[in-house]
Amino acid sequence: MILRFTALMLILYALGFLLFGVSLAAPAPADTAKVDALIAITGGTGRIEHAVDVLKVGGGKRLLIAGADPSVTKADIVRRLNGSSKLVDCCVDLGSESVDTRSNAEEARRWLTKRGFKSARLITSDWHMRRAAYEFDRQFDETTTIIPDAVRSDPNFMTLFTEYNKYILRRMAVWLDI
């Protein structure tokens, strides 16, 4: 009986991983409504660049780069983007309070509340979006609209495997209230 149960759990785990790997989040459609704010979570290629591109075309009023290292400055961001200093100076905030996806969502909630924003576009990698969206959904009620905007990537097996396990463990921790 224990062997059958263990086999069933392993099969469910493997099927869940397969589904996770083939159903990565997609970028927001081109006709996505304008939002108050953009939130880019650090840690993946192309996230900040995509967020600044959306900001440039008026997709939001301000951008929070959540999870930035405390030593990073706006000048560093301008250098990374090869220009755009006026845009970065006026409309980009560096959030250095968060250290993981859960604290990214908490930091973003405080930032949005402080500014009175009611809608945001969440920008992160396609493989990270499911867990990020879960954490953001836990932080915000129905009065705040969060639109996911995944940056396409080409994750390797270990990236997907690690992220799947983080997602499953986080869901279990919330379910078990630990």
Protein backbone atom coordinates (compact mmCIF):
# COMPACT_ATOMS: atom_id res chain seq x y z
CA MET A 1 0.00 0.00 0.00
CA ILE A 2 2.79 2.44 0.91
CA LEU A 3 4.65 1.54 -2.28
CA ARG A 4 1.56 2.24 -4.40
CA PHE A 5 0.94 5.55 -2.66
CA THR A 6 4.58 6.57 -3.16
CA ALA A 7 4.41 5.59 -6.83
CA LEU A 8 1.22 7.61 -7.27
CA MET A 9 2.82 10.66 -5.62
CA LEU A 10 5.88 10.36 -7.88
CA ILE A 11 3.69 10.09 -10.97
CA LEU A 12 1.65 13.13 -9.92
CA TYR A 13 4.85 15.05 -9.19
CA ALA A 14 6.31 14.17 -12.59
CA LEU A 15 3.08 15.06 -14.42
CA GLY A 16 2.93 18.35 -12.51
CA PHE A 17 6.50 19.15 -13.51
CA LEU A 18 5.75 18.31 -17.13
CA LEU A 19 2.70 20.59 -17.10
CA PHE A 20 4.72 23.32 -15.39
CA GLY A 21 7.42 23.10 -18.05
CA VAL A 22 5.12 23.23 -21.06
CA SER A 23 2.81 25.97 -19.76
CA LEU A 24 5.19 28.82 -19.00
CA ALA A 25 3.65 32.27 -18.73
CA ALA A 26 3.35 34.45 -21.82
CA PRO A 27 4.10 38.12 -22.39
CA ALA A 28 1.21 40.53 -21.95
CA PRO A 29 -0.64 41.20 -25.22
CA ALA A 30 0.35 44.31 -27.14
CA ASP A 31 -3.07 45.86 -26.46
CA THR A 32 -2.79 45.46 -22.68
CA ALA A 33 -4.41 48.36 -20.87
CA LYS A 34 -2.22 51.07 -19.41
CA VAL A 35 -1.57 50.61 -15.69
CA ASP A 36 -0.51 52.94 -12.90
CA ALA A 37 2.77 51.17 -12.24
CA LEU A 38 5.24 48.64 -13.54
CA ILE A 39 7.03 46.22 -11.23
CA ALA A 40 10.11 44.41 -12.48
CA ILE A 41 11.55 41.70 -10.27
CA THR A 42 15.32 41.43 -10.52
CA GLY A 43 17.13 38.18 -11.11
CA GLY A 44 16.61 37.33 -14.76
CA THR A 45 17.80 38.43 -18.17
CA GLY A 46 15.75 41.06 -19.95
CA ARG A 47 13.35 41.92 -17.12
CA ILE A 48 14.56 45.46 -16.45
CA GLU A 49 15.06 46.21 -20.14
CA HIS A 50 11.52 45.07 -20.94
CA ALA A 51 10.07 47.11 -18.07
CA VAL A 52 11.86 50.26 -19.22
CA ASP A 53 10.64 49.67 -22.79
CA VAL A 54 7.04 49.44 -21.50
CA LEU A 55 7.60 52.61 -19.44
CA LYS A 56 8.99 54.43 -22.51
CA VAL A 57 5.81 53.81 -24.51
CA GLY A 58 3.58 54.98 -21.67
CA GLY A 59 2.45 51.59 -20.39
CA GLY A 60 2.67 52.89 -16.83
CA LYS A 61 3.49 56.02 -14.83
CA ARG A 62 6.34 54.65 -12.68
CA LEU A 63 8.55 51.60 -12.46
CA LEU A 64 9.66 49.78 -9.32
CA ILE A 65 12.69 47.55 -9.74
CA ALA A 66 12.05 45.23 -6.81
CA GLY A 67 14.89 43.31 -5.23
CA ALA A 68 17.68 45.58 -6.41
CA ASP A 69 20.97 45.22 -4.58
CA PRO A 70 21.35 48.14 -2.12
CA SER A 71 24.60 49.13 -3.83
CA VAL A 72 22.88 49.58 -7.22
CA THR A 73 22.18 53.19 -8.18
CA LYS A 74 20.08 54.82 -10.87
CA ALA A 75 23.34 55.64 -12.66
CA ASP A 76 24.06 51.89 -12.83
CA ILE A 77 20.65 51.33 -14.41
CA VAL A 78 21.28 54.10 -16.97
CA ARG A 79 24.64 52.51 -17.87
CA ARG A 80 23.00 49.09 -18.21
CA LEU A 81 20.39 50.57 -20.55
CA ASN A 82 22.86 52.66 -22.56
CA GLY A 83 21.05 55.93 -21.89
CA SER A 84 17.51 56.90 -20.84
CA SER A 85 18.79 58.93 -17.86
CA LYS A 86 15.84 61.36 -17.95
CA LEU A 87 13.35 58.50 -17.85
CA VAL A 88 15.21 56.65 -15.09
CA ASP A 89 15.63 59.81 -12.99
CA CYS A 90 11.98 60.79 -13.21
CA CYS A 91 10.12 57.54 -13.19
CA VAL A 92 12.16 54.62 -11.80
CA ASP A 93 12.41 53.61 -8.15
CA LEU A 94 14.91 51.06 -6.88
CA GLY A 95 13.50 48.76 -4.23
CA SER A 96 16.23 47.16 -2.17
CA GLU A 97 14.17 45.89 0.77
CA SER A 98 13.32 42.50 -0.74
CA VAL A 99 15.46 39.40 -0.97
CA ASP A 100 13.07 36.81 -2.42
CA THR A 101 9.84 36.55 -4.37
CA ARG A 102 7.62 36.79 -1.30
CA SER A 103 9.35 39.93 -0.05
CA ASN A 104 9.26 41.36 -3.62
CA ALA A 105 5.46 41.19 -3.39
CA GLU A 106 5.45 42.77 0.07
CA GLU A 107 7.78 45.56 -1.07
CA ALA A 108 5.61 46.16 -4.15
CA ARG A 109 2.45 46.34 -2.02
CA ARG A 110 4.00 49.01 0.24
CA TRP A 111 5.26 50.95 -2.79
CA LEU A 112 1.89 50.84 -4.60
CA THR A 113 -0.02 51.77 -1.44
CA LYS A 114 2.30 54.71 -0.69
CA ARG A 115 1.64 56.10 -4.17
CA GLY A 116 -2.07 55.31 -4.27
CA PHE A 117 -1.69 53.09 -7.33
CA LYS A 118 -4.45 50.56 -8.05
CA SER A 119 -3.02 48.70 -11.03
CA ALA A 120 0.35 47.27 -11.94
CA ARG A 121 2.05 45.19 -14.56
CA LEU A 122 4.22 42.46 -13.04
CA ILE A 123 7.32 41.80 -15.13
CA THR A 124 9.46 38.73 -14.55
CA SER A 125 10.75 35.72 -16.48
CA ASP A 126 8.30 33.23 -17.95
CA TRP A 127 9.57 30.43 -15.70
CA HIS A 128 9.27 32.63 -12.57
CA MET A 129 5.84 34.15 -13.28
CA ARG A 130 3.69 31.40 -11.74
CA ARG A 131 5.30 31.73 -8.30
CA ALA A 132 5.58 35.53 -8.54
CA ALA A 133 1.91 35.85 -9.49
CA TYR A 134 0.98 33.56 -6.59
CA GLU A 135 2.88 35.75 -4.11
CA PHE A 136 1.41 38.95 -5.57
CA ASP A 137 -2.12 37.50 -5.43
CA ARG A 138 -1.55 36.78 -1.74
CA GLN A 139 -0.52 40.41 -1.08
CA PHE A 140 -3.26 42.24 -2.98
CA ASP A 141 -7.03 42.19 -2.74
CA GLU A 142 -9.50 42.57 -5.60
CA THR A 143 -9.20 46.38 -5.54
CA THR A 144 -5.72 46.16 -7.09
CA THR A 145 -5.25 44.82 -10.59
CA ILE A 146 -2.02 42.95 -11.29
CA ILE A 147 -1.36 42.09 -14.95
CA PRO A 148 1.34 39.45 -15.55
CA ASP A 149 3.84 40.22 -18.29
CA ALA A 150 6.36 37.42 -18.69
CA VAL A 151 9.70 37.94 -20.37
CA ARG A 152 10.37 35.02 -22.68
CA SER A 153 13.47 33.03 -21.89
CA ASP A 154 15.03 29.71 -22.69
CA PRO A 155 15.26 28.05 -19.27
CA ASN A 156 17.32 24.93 -18.86
CA PHE A 157 16.14 21.81 -17.07
CA MET A 158 17.68 22.77 -13.72
CA THR A 159 16.07 26.22 -13.76
CA LEU A 160 12.65 24.69 -14.39
CA PHE A 161 13.21 21.90 -11.87
CA THR A 162 14.33 24.31 -9.15
CA GLU A 163 11.51 26.76 -9.82
CA TYR A 164 8.89 24.00 -9.85
CA ASN A 165 10.10 22.77 -6.48
CA LYS A 166 10.12 26.29 -5.02
CA TYR A 167 6.57 26.80 -6.26
CA ILE A 168 5.31 23.49 -4.87
CA LEU A 169 7.06 24.01 -1.52
CA ARG A 170 5.70 27.54 -1.18
CA ARG A 171 2.15 26.39 -1.94
CA MET A 172 2.52 23.60 0.62
CA ALA A 173 3.92 26.01 3.25
CA VAL A 174 0.95 28.34 2.78
CA TRP A 175 -1.50 25.42 2.84
CA LEU A 176 0.08 24.09 6.05
CA ASP A 177 0.28 27.63 7.47
CA ILE A 178 4.00 27.44 8.23
